[in-house]
Amino acid sequence: ESVVDICGVLVEANVASCTQTNVELQIHRAYCVCKAAQTLPFLMADAQRSEVDIQASIGTDRPFVRVLPDLRLDSRWLDLRVPGHNAIMRLQAAVCRLFRDQLTRRGFVEIHSPKLISGESEGGSEVFRVDYFGTQASLAQSPQLYKQMAISADFPGVFEVGPVFRAEKSNTNRHLCEFTGLDLEMPINWHYGEVIQVIHETLSRLFLALEQECAAELAVARQMYPSEAPQVPGPSEPPCLLHWEEGQQMLAEAAAAGVLPKRKDEMADLSTEEERVLGRLVREKYGSDLFFLDRYPSAVRPFYTMPTRDQPEYSNSYDVIFRGQEIGSGAQRCHDPDMLEARCVEKGVPTGPLKSYIDAFRHGVPPHGGVGLGLERIVQLYLGLDNIRKASLFVRDPSRLSP
């Protein structure tokens, strides 16, 4: 599409074939500012049709053209001119703004942690390795360690909106190699349930504000991708909280009914399908699309996760599950340096690269906890999108490094 300057007059009119139906522009002069190539990668009329319209046209004498996902992503700047996709990016920006606003009002401080880190200091194998002037470094999988050190620095609570890197060869509709993390960390006074409450109130208020403040953008996005607003407990209501044992019982009953295979190990992490089924069961039983699955088994959590005092095989940790998919993980963290070192040994994590991190706890740090959420996945699930790539400005997945 060429860029043009138009001079004219707006007049009232009945227009049936455009989004503006009550006015039209009577053009007096037109100037071409930047001429587009004669042949575009795809027609904008094809790109902005909803999947519902495309499906309805199949079998007719004039079926609509479906623009393939890779073709869209190869010319993403054109794809983002589609009103529905442009609205998705505006909604993504609103989620970031509302996340910041909610936590800033609580007295949290926004931080910006390093993304180049020494070795594999978070203990993960799925990292992007880089050469740092002859020293091995990697791109940060999360701001986790720095959030905790910020709590040691006596901040009343911190949050970050920033890039996260995962070297996972997962070519699915829910994974990216680079995405935006919404992270928070805060001191705990009495119980890690305080952190769950803050997460619940933040997300609940954020979702309410999206519906109230972004009605126009939501209408455009939902015209292309029909969906309903999620059912979420209000900020003044208690969060929908499920203990691990209750979740296992619900999945066992679903397996007995033939809905999914029986779990071989009740202490193993949930599969994608088990998350989906559990999300549906929770909505049917509790009427909520958002819930916390609490007291995860310690064996499937990182070394810095606090074990439950009376049952150390479980931990003070939780996943945040929204519309049948995990959008984030959180926990109370170990704040005792000796326990941290013991957990590193138990998990096979070298303590050498973690020296600065563990030293921060030797100088005193209050009990604390937090969560790491995925921005693109929140937007994807809120809008009912079938692929997370539609919620990413320029996609980075195992097969795409440009544009």
Protein backbone atom coordinates (compact mmCIF):
# COMPACT_ATOMS: atom_id res chain seq x y z
CA GLU A 1 0.00 0.00 0.00
CA SER A 2 1.38 3.38 -0.96
CA VAL A 3 1.53 6.23 1.55
CA VAL A 4 -0.53 9.21 0.40
CA ASP A 5 -1.52 12.62 1.72
CA ILE A 6 -5.17 13.50 1.09
CA CYS A 7 -6.82 16.91 1.22
CA GLY A 8 -10.61 16.92 1.29
CA VAL A 9 -13.82 17.46 3.20
CA LEU A 10 -15.75 15.06 5.44
CA VAL A 11 -19.43 14.90 4.57
CA GLU A 12 -22.32 12.87 5.93
CA ALA A 13 -23.17 9.81 3.84
CA ASN A 14 -24.58 6.30 4.08
CA VAL A 15 -21.74 3.90 3.26
CA ALA A 16 -22.40 0.15 3.34
CA SER A 17 -19.02 -1.27 2.29
CA CYS A 18 -16.64 0.41 4.78
CA THR A 19 -16.02 0.45 8.51
CA GLN A 20 -17.00 4.13 8.55
CA THR A 21 -20.69 3.99 7.64
CA ASN A 22 -21.95 7.52 8.32
CA VAL A 23 -19.35 9.79 6.69
CA GLU A 24 -17.15 9.83 3.61
CA LEU A 25 -14.20 11.92 2.45
CA GLN A 26 -14.66 14.03 -0.68
CA ILE A 27 -11.11 14.29 -2.06
CA HIS A 28 -9.88 17.61 -3.45
CA ARG A 29 -6.16 16.79 -3.80
CA ALA A 30 -4.01 13.65 -3.38
CA TYR A 31 -0.21 13.34 -3.15
CA CYS A 32 1.85 10.13 -3.24
CA VAL A 33 4.42 10.32 -0.42
CA CYS A 34 5.89 6.82 -0.78
CA LYS A 35 4.95 4.48 -3.61
CA ALA A 36 4.55 0.78 -2.78
CA ALA A 37 5.69 -2.06 -5.01
CA GLN A 38 3.14 -3.04 -7.62
CA THR A 39 2.80 -6.56 -6.21
CA LEU A 40 2.34 -7.00 -2.46
CA PRO A 41 3.05 -10.36 -0.75
CA PHE A 42 -0.66 -10.68 -0.05
CA LEU A 43 -3.83 -8.66 -0.45
CA MET A 44 -4.93 -6.73 2.62
CA ALA A 45 -8.54 -7.70 1.95
CA ASP A 46 -7.51 -11.36 2.25
CA ALA A 47 -5.34 -10.76 5.32
CA GLN A 48 -8.07 -9.13 7.38
CA ARG A 49 -10.79 -11.74 6.91
CA SER A 50 -11.75 -13.67 10.02
CA GLU A 51 -11.33 -17.43 10.23
CA VAL A 52 -15.10 -17.69 10.66
CA ASP A 53 -15.66 -16.03 7.26
CA ILE A 54 -12.99 -18.17 5.60
CA GLN A 55 -14.49 -21.38 6.97
CA ALA A 56 -17.98 -20.31 5.92
CA SER A 57 -16.78 -19.73 2.35
CA ILE A 58 -15.37 -23.25 1.93
CA GLY A 59 -17.50 -25.23 -0.49
CA THR A 60 -18.99 -22.15 -2.11
CA ASP A 61 -18.28 -21.08 -5.68
CA ARG A 62 -16.01 -18.27 -4.41
CA PRO A 63 -14.04 -19.47 -1.35
CA PHE A 64 -11.91 -16.85 0.36
CA VAL A 65 -8.11 -17.03 0.24
CA ARG A 66 -6.36 -17.87 3.52
CA VAL A 67 -3.05 -16.02 3.95
CA LEU A 68 -0.57 -18.56 5.33
CA PRO A 69 1.03 -17.79 8.74
CA ASP A 70 4.63 -17.85 7.46
CA LEU A 71 3.74 -15.46 4.64
CA ARG A 72 2.24 -13.09 7.20
CA LEU A 73 5.31 -13.30 9.45
CA ASP A 74 7.73 -12.82 6.54
CA SER A 75 6.05 -9.44 5.92
CA ARG A 76 4.93 -8.78 9.47
CA TRP A 77 4.93 -4.99 8.98
CA LEU A 78 2.17 -5.46 6.41
CA ASP A 79 0.34 -8.01 8.54
CA LEU A 80 0.27 -5.53 11.42
CA ARG A 81 -1.66 -3.08 9.22
CA VAL A 82 -4.59 -5.48 9.46
CA PRO A 83 -6.92 -3.75 11.97
CA GLY A 84 -7.36 -6.88 14.09
CA HIS A 85 -3.62 -7.49 14.39
CA ASN A 86 -2.90 -3.83 15.02
CA ALA A 87 -5.48 -3.91 17.83
CA ILE A 88 -3.78 -6.95 19.38
CA MET A 89 -0.51 -5.02 19.68
CA ARG A 90 -2.32 -2.06 21.22
CA LEU A 91 -3.90 -4.42 23.75
CA GLN A 92 -0.49 -5.89 24.48
CA ALA A 93 0.78 -2.38 25.25
CA ALA A 94 -2.23 -1.83 27.52
CA VAL A 95 -1.46 -5.02 29.47
CA CYS A 96 2.09 -3.74 30.13
CA ARG A 97 0.83 -0.31 31.16
CA LEU A 98 -1.82 -1.72 33.50
CA PHE A 99 0.66 -4.16 35.05
CA ARG A 100 3.02 -1.27 35.76
CA ASP A 101 0.23 0.96 37.08
CA GLN A 102 -1.12 -1.69 39.46
CA LEU A 103 2.24 -2.43 41.05
CA THR A 104 3.46 1.17 41.11
CA ARG A 105 0.35 2.10 43.11
CA ARG A 106 1.30 -0.62 45.59
CA GLY A 107 4.72 0.97 46.10
CA PHE A 108 6.66 -1.52 44.00
CA VAL A 109 9.78 -0.26 42.21
CA GLU A 110 10.41 -1.04 38.53
CA ILE A 111 13.84 -2.55 37.89
CA HIS A 112 15.85 -3.42 34.79
CA SER A 113 18.03 -6.46 35.37
CA PRO A 114 20.96 -7.64 33.21
CA LYS A 115 20.20 -9.94 30.31
CA LEU A 116 23.84 -11.00 29.87
CA ILE A 117 24.67 -13.30 32.76
CA SER A 118 27.67 -15.37 33.80
CA GLY A 119 27.63 -18.97 32.61
CA GLU A 120 24.32 -20.67 33.30
CA SER A 121 23.74 -19.11 36.69
CA GLU A 122 20.07 -20.05 36.81
CA GLY A 123 20.90 -23.72 36.56
CA GLY A 124 19.12 -24.28 33.27
CA SER A 125 20.51 -26.12 30.25
CA GLU A 126 18.22 -24.46 27.73
CA VAL A 127 20.10 -21.17 27.42
CA PHE A 128 21.54 -19.20 24.53
CA ARG A 129 25.31 -19.12 25.02
CA VAL A 130 27.34 -16.11 23.93
CA ASP A 131 31.01 -15.15 24.03
CA TYR A 132 31.60 -12.27 26.44
CA PHE A 133 35.15 -11.06 25.66
CA GLY A 134 36.50 -14.60 25.92
CA THR A 135 34.29 -15.61 28.85
CA GLN A 136 31.25 -17.84 28.50
CA ALA A 137 28.00 -16.03 29.17
CA SER A 138 24.35 -16.62 28.37
CA LEU A 139 21.14 -14.72 27.78
CA ALA A 140 18.98 -14.61 30.90
CA GLN A 141 16.09 -17.06 31.13
CA SER A 142 14.42 -14.69 33.62
CA PRO A 143 15.28 -11.84 36.00
CA GLN A 144 14.77 -14.27 38.90
CA LEU A 145 18.09 -14.00 40.72
CA TYR A 146 18.24 -10.22 40.35
CA LYS A 147 14.68 -9.76 41.60
CA GLN A 148 15.68 -11.59 44.77
CA MET A 149 18.87 -9.58 45.19
CA ALA A 150 16.77 -6.43 44.83
CA ILE A 151 14.67 -7.60 47.79
CA SER A 152 17.94 -8.08 49.69
CA ALA A 153 18.66 -4.43 48.81
CA ASP A 154 15.60 -3.49 50.91
CA PHE A 155 13.18 -2.55 48.15
CA PRO A 156 9.55 -2.88 49.31
CA GLY A 157 8.71 -4.92 46.20
CA VAL A 158 10.02 -4.90 42.63
CA PHE A 159 8.72 -5.65 39.17
CA GLU A 160 10.14 -5.83 35.67
CA VAL A 161 8.78 -5.83 32.14
CA GLY A 162 11.54 -7.17 29.92
CA PRO A 163 12.81 -9.76 27.44
CA VAL A 164 13.19 -13.42 28.37
CA PHE A 165 15.21 -15.94 26.36
CA ARG A 166 14.53 -19.69 26.20
CA ALA A 167 16.60 -22.00 23.96
CA GLU A 168 13.79 -24.53 23.70
CA LYS A 169 13.18 -26.26 20.36
CA SER A 170 9.44 -26.18 20.90
CA ASN A 171 7.60 -25.56 17.65
CA THR A 172 4.19 -25.26 19.25
CA ASN A 173 1.42 -22.67 19.24
CA ARG A 174 2.33 -21.59 22.81
CA HIS A 175 6.14 -21.29 22.90
CA LEU A 176 8.57 -18.58 21.81
CA CYS A 177 12.37 -18.39 22.12
CA GLU A 178 12.17 -14.71 23.04
CA PHE A 179 9.18 -13.20 24.78
CA THR A 180 8.34 -10.46 27.27
CA GLY A 181 8.22 -11.35 30.94
CA LEU A 182 6.03 -9.63 33.53
CA ASP A 183 7.85 -10.32 36.78
CA LEU A 184 7.32 -9.28 40.38
CA GLU A 185 8.98 -10.06 43.71
CA MET A 186 7.98 -8.93 47.21
CA PRO A 187 8.78 -9.51 50.89
CA ILE A 188 6.52 -11.89 52.82
CA ASN A 189 5.29 -10.96 56.28
CA TRP A 190 3.45 -14.09 57.41
CA HIS A 191 2.64 -16.49 54.57
CA TYR A 192 3.37 -16.83 50.87
CA GLY A 193 -0.36 -16.60 50.24
CA GLU A 194 0.24 -12.83 50.44
CA VAL A 195 2.06 -13.08 47.09
CA ILE A 196 -0.76 -15.10 45.53
CA GLN A 197 -3.21 -12.43 46.69
CA VAL A 198 -1.18 -9.64 45.06
CA ILE A 199 -0.93 -11.60 41.78
CA HIS A 200 -4.68 -12.30 41.84
CA GLU A 201 -5.62 -8.67 42.51
CA THR A 202 -3.18 -7.42 39.87
CA LEU A 203 -4.50 -9.72 37.13
CA SER A 204 -8.14 -9.26 38.13
CA ARG A 205 -7.90 -5.45 38.04
CA LEU A 206 -5.89 -5.63 34.83
CA PHE A 207 -8.55 -7.72 33.08
CA LEU A 208 -11.34 -5.45 34.31
CA ALA A 209 -9.47 -2.37 33.08
CA LEU A 210 -8.90 -3.94 29.66
CA GLU A 211 -12.64 -4.38 29.16
CA GLN A 212 -13.39 -0.85 30.40
CA GLU A 213 -10.55 1.15 28.85
CA CYS A 214 -9.85 -0.78 25.65
CA ALA A 215 -13.37 -1.53 24.42
CA ALA A 216 -12.65 -0.24 20.90
CA GLU A 217 -9.49 -2.33 20.47
CA LEU A 218 -11.19 -5.40 21.93
CA ALA A 219 -14.11 -5.01 19.52
CA VAL A 220 -11.76 -4.88 16.52
CA ALA A 221 -9.69 -7.86 17.70
CA ARG A 222 -12.79 -9.92 18.52
CA GLN A 223 -14.34 -9.15 15.15
CA MET A 224 -11.41 -10.98 13.55
CA TYR A 225 -10.98 -13.56 16.33
CA PRO A 226 -14.34 -14.04 18.07
CA SER A 227 -14.04 -14.68 21.82
CA GLU A 228 -15.73 -13.80 25.10
CA ALA A 229 -14.32 -11.99 28.11
CA PRO A 230 -12.85 -14.47 30.60
CA GLN A 231 -14.55 -15.34 33.87
CA VAL A 232 -12.24 -14.24 36.68
CA PRO A 233 -12.96 -13.58 40.38
CA GLY A 234 -13.05 -9.86 41.16
CA PRO A 235 -10.16 -8.19 43.02
CA SER A 236 -12.20 -8.09 46.25
CA GLU A 237 -13.00 -11.81 45.98
CA PRO A 238 -10.60 -14.56 47.09
CA PRO A 239 -8.42 -16.09 44.37
CA CYS A 240 -9.42 -19.44 42.91
CA LEU A 241 -6.84 -21.67 44.62
CA LEU A 242 -6.37 -25.38 44.04
CA HIS A 243 -3.93 -27.51 46.04
CA TRP A 244 -1.88 -30.01 44.06
CA GLU A 245 -3.67 -32.94 45.71
CA GLU A 246 -7.10 -31.63 44.69
CA GLY A 247 -5.89 -31.10 41.14
CA GLN A 248 -4.61 -34.67 41.02
CA GLN A 249 -7.94 -35.96 42.28
CA MET A 250 -9.82 -34.04 39.58
CA LEU A 251 -7.49 -35.41 36.89
CA ALA A 252 -7.86 -38.95 38.27
CA GLU A 253 -11.65 -38.65 38.03
CA ALA A 254 -11.32 -37.35 34.47
CA ALA A 255 -9.06 -40.31 33.60
CA ALA A 256 -11.58 -42.74 35.12
CA ALA A 257 -14.22 -41.18 32.86
CA GLY A 258 -11.99 -41.74 29.83
CA VAL A 259 -11.33 -38.04 29.21
CA LEU A 260 -7.54 -38.49 29.26
CA PRO A 261 -4.97 -41.20 30.13
CA LYS A 262 -4.29 -42.02 33.78
CA ARG A 263 -1.24 -40.25 35.16
CA LYS A 264 1.71 -42.59 35.71
CA ASP A 265 3.30 -40.35 38.35
CA GLU A 266 1.20 -37.98 40.46
CA MET A 267 4.34 -36.03 41.42
CA ALA A 268 5.30 -35.31 37.80
CA ASP A 269 4.63 -31.95 36.19
CA LEU A 270 1.41 -31.54 34.22
CA SER A 271 1.32 -32.10 30.48
CA THR A 272 -0.23 -29.55 28.13
CA GLU A 273 -3.33 -31.72 27.75
CA GLU A 274 -3.66 -32.19 31.53
CA GLU A 275 -3.49 -28.41 32.02
CA ARG A 276 -6.21 -27.97 29.40
CA VAL A 277 -8.50 -30.55 30.99
CA LEU A 278 -7.90 -29.22 34.50
CA GLY A 279 -8.69 -25.70 33.30
CA ARG A 280 -12.02 -26.89 31.91
CA LEU A 281 -12.85 -28.80 35.10
CA VAL A 282 -12.03 -25.78 37.30
CA ARG A 283 -14.24 -23.54 35.19
CA GLU A 284 -17.11 -26.04 35.46
CA LYS A 285 -16.69 -26.47 39.22
CA TYR A 286 -15.62 -22.99 40.36
CA GLY A 287 -16.70 -20.74 37.47
CA SER A 288 -13.24 -19.25 36.94
CA ASP A 289 -10.91 -19.20 33.92
CA LEU A 290 -8.02 -18.17 36.18
CA PHE A 291 -6.71 -20.26 39.06
CA PHE A 292 -3.59 -21.02 41.07
CA LEU A 293 -2.36 -24.62 41.31
CA ASP A 294 -0.56 -24.57 44.67
CA ARG A 295 1.95 -26.80 46.53
CA TYR A 296 3.80 -28.17 43.52
CA PRO A 297 6.12 -31.16 44.14
CA SER A 298 9.61 -29.95 45.07
CA ALA A 299 11.20 -32.31 42.54
CA VAL A 300 9.83 -30.36 39.56
CA ARG A 301 10.68 -26.87 40.88
CA PRO A 302 13.94 -24.86 40.69
CA PHE A 303 16.60 -24.99 43.41
CA TYR A 304 15.59 -21.63 44.91
CA THR A 305 12.02 -22.79 45.70
CA MET A 306 11.10 -23.07 49.39
CA PRO A 307 10.00 -26.61 50.40
CA THR A 308 6.85 -26.92 52.50
CA ARG A 309 7.92 -27.15 56.14
CA ASP A 310 5.80 -30.12 57.22
CA GLN A 311 5.92 -31.94 53.84
CA PRO A 312 9.23 -31.16 52.09
CA GLU A 313 8.27 -33.32 49.11
CA TYR A 314 5.94 -30.42 48.28
CA SER A 315 6.88 -26.75 47.92
CA ASN A 316 5.46 -23.29 48.59
CA SER A 317 5.04 -22.78 44.87
CA TYR A 318 2.25 -22.41 42.33
CA ASP A 319 1.45 -22.14 38.66
CA VAL A 320 -0.94 -19.49 37.38
CA ILE A 321 -3.28 -21.20 34.91
CA PHE A 322 -5.51 -19.19 32.60
CA ARG A 323 -7.99 -20.74 30.20
CA GLY A 324 -6.31 -24.12 30.52
CA GLN A 325 -2.72 -22.98 30.00
CA GLU A 326 0.05 -21.93 32.34
CA ILE A 327 0.79 -18.21 32.04
CA GLY A 328 3.33 -18.09 34.85
CA SER A 329 5.06 -19.80 37.75
CA GLY A 330 5.82 -18.46 41.19
CA ALA A 331 6.87 -19.42 44.69
CA GLN A 332 8.25 -18.46 48.02
CA ARG A 333 12.03 -18.48 47.59
CA CYS A 334 14.68 -19.96 49.86
CA HIS A 335 16.14 -17.07 51.84
CA ASP A 336 18.59 -19.14 53.92
CA PRO A 337 22.02 -19.37 52.22
CA ASP A 338 22.85 -22.77 53.71
CA MET A 339 19.54 -24.17 52.47
CA LEU A 340 20.21 -22.64 49.05
CA GLU A 341 23.59 -24.36 48.81
CA ALA A 342 22.07 -27.66 49.92
CA ARG A 343 19.33 -27.32 47.31
CA CYS A 344 21.94 -26.62 44.62
CA VAL A 345 23.77 -29.83 45.53
CA GLU A 346 20.49 -31.75 45.55
CA LYS A 347 19.54 -30.39 42.10
CA GLY A 348 23.04 -30.73 40.62
CA VAL A 349 23.45 -26.98 40.15
CA PRO A 350 27.06 -25.66 40.39
CA THR A 351 27.36 -23.03 43.13
CA GLY A 352 30.40 -21.27 41.64
CA PRO A 353 28.49 -19.02 39.20
CA LEU A 354 25.94 -18.33 41.97
CA LYS A 355 28.43 -16.91 44.49
CA SER A 356 27.20 -13.30 44.26
CA TYR A 357 23.59 -14.45 44.46
CA ILE A 358 24.16 -16.59 47.57
CA ASP A 359 26.31 -13.86 49.17
CA ALA A 360 23.31 -11.52 48.97
CA PHE A 361 21.51 -13.87 51.36
CA ARG A 362 24.48 -14.06 53.74
CA HIS A 363 24.02 -10.34 54.32
CA GLY A 364 20.37 -10.73 55.33
CA VAL A 365 17.17 -10.89 53.29
CA PRO A 366 13.54 -11.16 54.41
CA PRO A 367 11.31 -14.06 53.37
CA HIS A 368 10.07 -13.27 49.89
CA GLY A 369 8.31 -14.64 46.84
CA GLY A 370 7.04 -13.67 43.43
CA VAL A 371 6.00 -14.77 39.98
CA GLY A 372 7.08 -14.65 36.36
CA LEU A 373 4.28 -14.21 33.81
CA GLY A 374 4.42 -14.32 30.00
CA LEU A 375 2.99 -11.24 28.29
CA GLU A 376 2.36 -12.81 24.89
CA ARG A 377 0.67 -15.85 26.40
CA ILE A 378 -1.61 -13.65 28.52
CA VAL A 379 -2.67 -11.71 25.42
CA GLN A 380 -3.08 -14.89 23.38
CA LEU A 381 -5.35 -16.56 25.92
CA TYR A 382 -7.29 -13.43 26.84
CA LEU A 383 -8.26 -12.99 23.18
CA GLY A 384 -8.67 -16.70 22.48
CA LEU A 385 -5.98 -16.69 19.77
CA ASP A 386 -5.00 -20.09 18.40
CA ASN A 387 -1.29 -19.21 18.15
CA ILE A 388 1.01 -17.16 20.39
CA ARG A 389 2.75 -15.76 17.30
CA LYS A 390 -0.28 -13.56 16.71
CA ALA A 391 0.48 -11.88 20.05
CA SER A 392 4.16 -11.20 19.25
CA LEU A 393 5.33 -8.10 17.38
CA PHE A 394 8.18 -9.85 15.53
CA VAL A 395 8.38 -13.55 16.25
CA ARG A 396 11.41 -15.43 17.53
CA ASP A 397 10.86 -19.18 17.53
CA PRO A 398 13.16 -22.14 16.71
CA SER A 399 12.71 -21.59 12.97
CA ARG A 400 12.55 -17.78 12.75
CA LEU A 401 15.25 -15.19 13.36
CA SER A 402 13.95 -12.48 11.00
CA PRO A 403 12.45 -10.05 10.34
